[in-house]
Amino acid sequence: MRWLKTLLVLILAIVFLFCGWTFATLNTEQVSIDLFFITLPQASLSLWLMASFVMGGIVGVVVSSLVVMLLKVRLQAARRKIAAANKELDQLRTASLKHSA
């Protein structure tokens, strides 16, 4: 079963590389990107599109990592509250047993 997964990953990688190579060779028109404050130098359309795709992926990973870290912090705070509540509950249980004895 592992060989099948490896084969599928290899086939997908080859397909993506072929699509990227074809995309790069078919989109060689030189364009410059005009942002609000700066104008980026001329490069092929495929280069700018691939660069924006990669930058979008990097930004997505960074933002999702920040969200995950925030959720982990909140989870740790909730676990501390639960532990404190359980400790207080145990103290109240032992206190009620001492008073009844």
Protein backbone atom coordinates (compact mmCIF):
# COMPACT_ATOMS: atom_id res chain seq x y z
CA MET A 1 0.00 0.00 0.00
CA ARG A 2 2.89 2.35 0.74
CA TRP A 3 4.28 1.89 -2.76
CA LEU A 4 0.91 2.96 -4.21
CA LYS A 5 0.96 6.18 -2.18
CA THR A 6 4.55 6.86 -3.27
CA LEU A 7 3.61 6.19 -6.90
CA LEU A 8 0.60 8.54 -6.73
CA VAL A 9 2.67 11.31 -5.13
CA LEU A 10 5.35 10.88 -7.79
CA ILE A 11 2.79 10.99 -10.60
CA LEU A 12 1.16 14.11 -9.14
CA ALA A 13 4.56 15.80 -8.77
CA ILE A 14 5.40 15.04 -12.40
CA VAL A 15 2.00 16.35 -13.57
CA PHE A 16 2.44 19.58 -11.56
CA LEU A 17 5.96 20.08 -12.85
CA PHE A 18 4.80 19.54 -16.42
CA CYS A 19 1.92 21.99 -15.97
CA GLY A 20 4.28 24.57 -14.44
CA TRP A 21 6.81 24.15 -17.23
CA THR A 22 4.08 24.44 -19.89
CA PHE A 23 2.62 27.50 -18.17
CA ALA A 24 6.04 29.16 -18.00
CA THR A 25 6.83 28.51 -21.65
CA LEU A 26 3.46 29.72 -22.93
CA ASN A 27 3.32 32.94 -20.88
CA THR A 28 6.56 34.70 -21.73
CA GLU A 29 5.08 38.16 -22.38
CA GLN A 30 6.98 40.85 -20.46
CA VAL A 31 4.80 42.82 -18.03
CA SER A 32 5.51 45.25 -15.22
CA ILE A 33 3.42 45.26 -12.09
CA ASP A 34 2.19 48.69 -11.01
CA LEU A 35 1.35 48.81 -7.31
CA PHE A 36 0.07 51.93 -5.58
CA PHE A 37 3.45 53.24 -4.50
CA ILE A 38 6.00 51.36 -6.60
CA THR A 39 6.30 49.82 -10.03
CA LEU A 40 7.97 46.43 -10.11
CA PRO A 41 10.42 45.72 -12.94
CA GLN A 42 9.39 43.96 -16.12
CA ALA A 43 9.43 40.18 -16.01
CA SER A 44 7.52 37.41 -17.71
CA LEU A 45 3.86 37.02 -16.88
CA SER A 46 4.42 33.47 -15.71
CA LEU A 47 7.10 34.61 -13.25
CA TRP A 48 4.81 37.21 -11.67
CA LEU A 49 1.90 34.77 -11.47
CA MET A 50 4.01 32.03 -9.89
CA ALA A 51 5.57 34.53 -7.48
CA SER A 52 2.14 35.74 -6.38
CA PHE A 53 1.00 32.13 -5.95
CA VAL A 54 4.01 31.32 -3.78
CA MET A 55 3.63 34.52 -1.74
CA GLY A 56 -0.05 33.72 -1.18
CA GLY A 57 0.89 30.27 0.07
CA ILE A 58 3.51 31.68 2.43
CA VAL A 59 1.09 34.28 3.80
CA GLY A 60 -1.55 31.57 4.26
CA VAL A 61 0.84 29.36 6.20
CA VAL A 62 1.96 32.27 8.43
CA VAL A 63 -1.59 33.40 9.18
CA SER A 64 -2.82 29.88 9.90
CA SER A 65 0.21 29.29 12.15
CA LEU A 66 -0.63 32.41 14.12
CA VAL A 67 -4.23 31.23 14.52
CA VAL A 68 -3.06 27.80 15.67
CA MET A 69 -0.68 29.36 18.20
CA LEU A 70 -3.48 31.59 19.54
CA LEU A 71 -5.77 28.58 19.90
CA LYS A 72 -3.05 26.63 21.73
CA VAL A 73 -2.61 29.51 24.18
CA ARG A 74 -6.36 29.61 24.80
CA LEU A 75 -6.40 25.81 25.24
CA GLN A 76 -3.62 25.99 27.84
CA ALA A 77 -5.51 28.72 29.72
CA ALA A 78 -8.67 26.60 29.69
CA ARG A 79 -6.73 23.57 30.95
CA ARG A 80 -5.30 25.63 33.81
CA LYS A 81 -8.81 26.78 34.76
CA ILE A 82 -10.07 23.20 34.67
CA ALA A 83 -7.19 22.03 36.84
CA ALA A 84 -7.85 24.82 39.36
CA ALA A 85 -11.57 23.99 39.39
CA ASN A 86 -10.85 20.29 39.89
CA LYS A 87 -8.44 21.09 42.73
CA GLU A 88 -11.06 23.30 44.41
CA LEU A 89 -13.70 20.60 43.93
CA ASP A 90 -11.44 17.99 45.55
CA GLN A 91 -10.78 20.35 48.48
CA LEU A 92 -14.52 20.93 48.94
CA ARG A 93 -15.19 17.18 48.84
CA THR A 94 -12.55 16.44 51.47
CA ALA A 95 -13.75 19.36 53.57
CA SER A 96 -17.32 18.07 53.55
CA LEU A 97 -16.11 14.59 54.55
CA LYS A 98 -14.13 16.02 57.47
CA HIS A 99 -17.17 17.96 58.74
CA SER A 100 -19.48 14.95 58.54
CA ALA A 101 -17.06 12.66 60.40
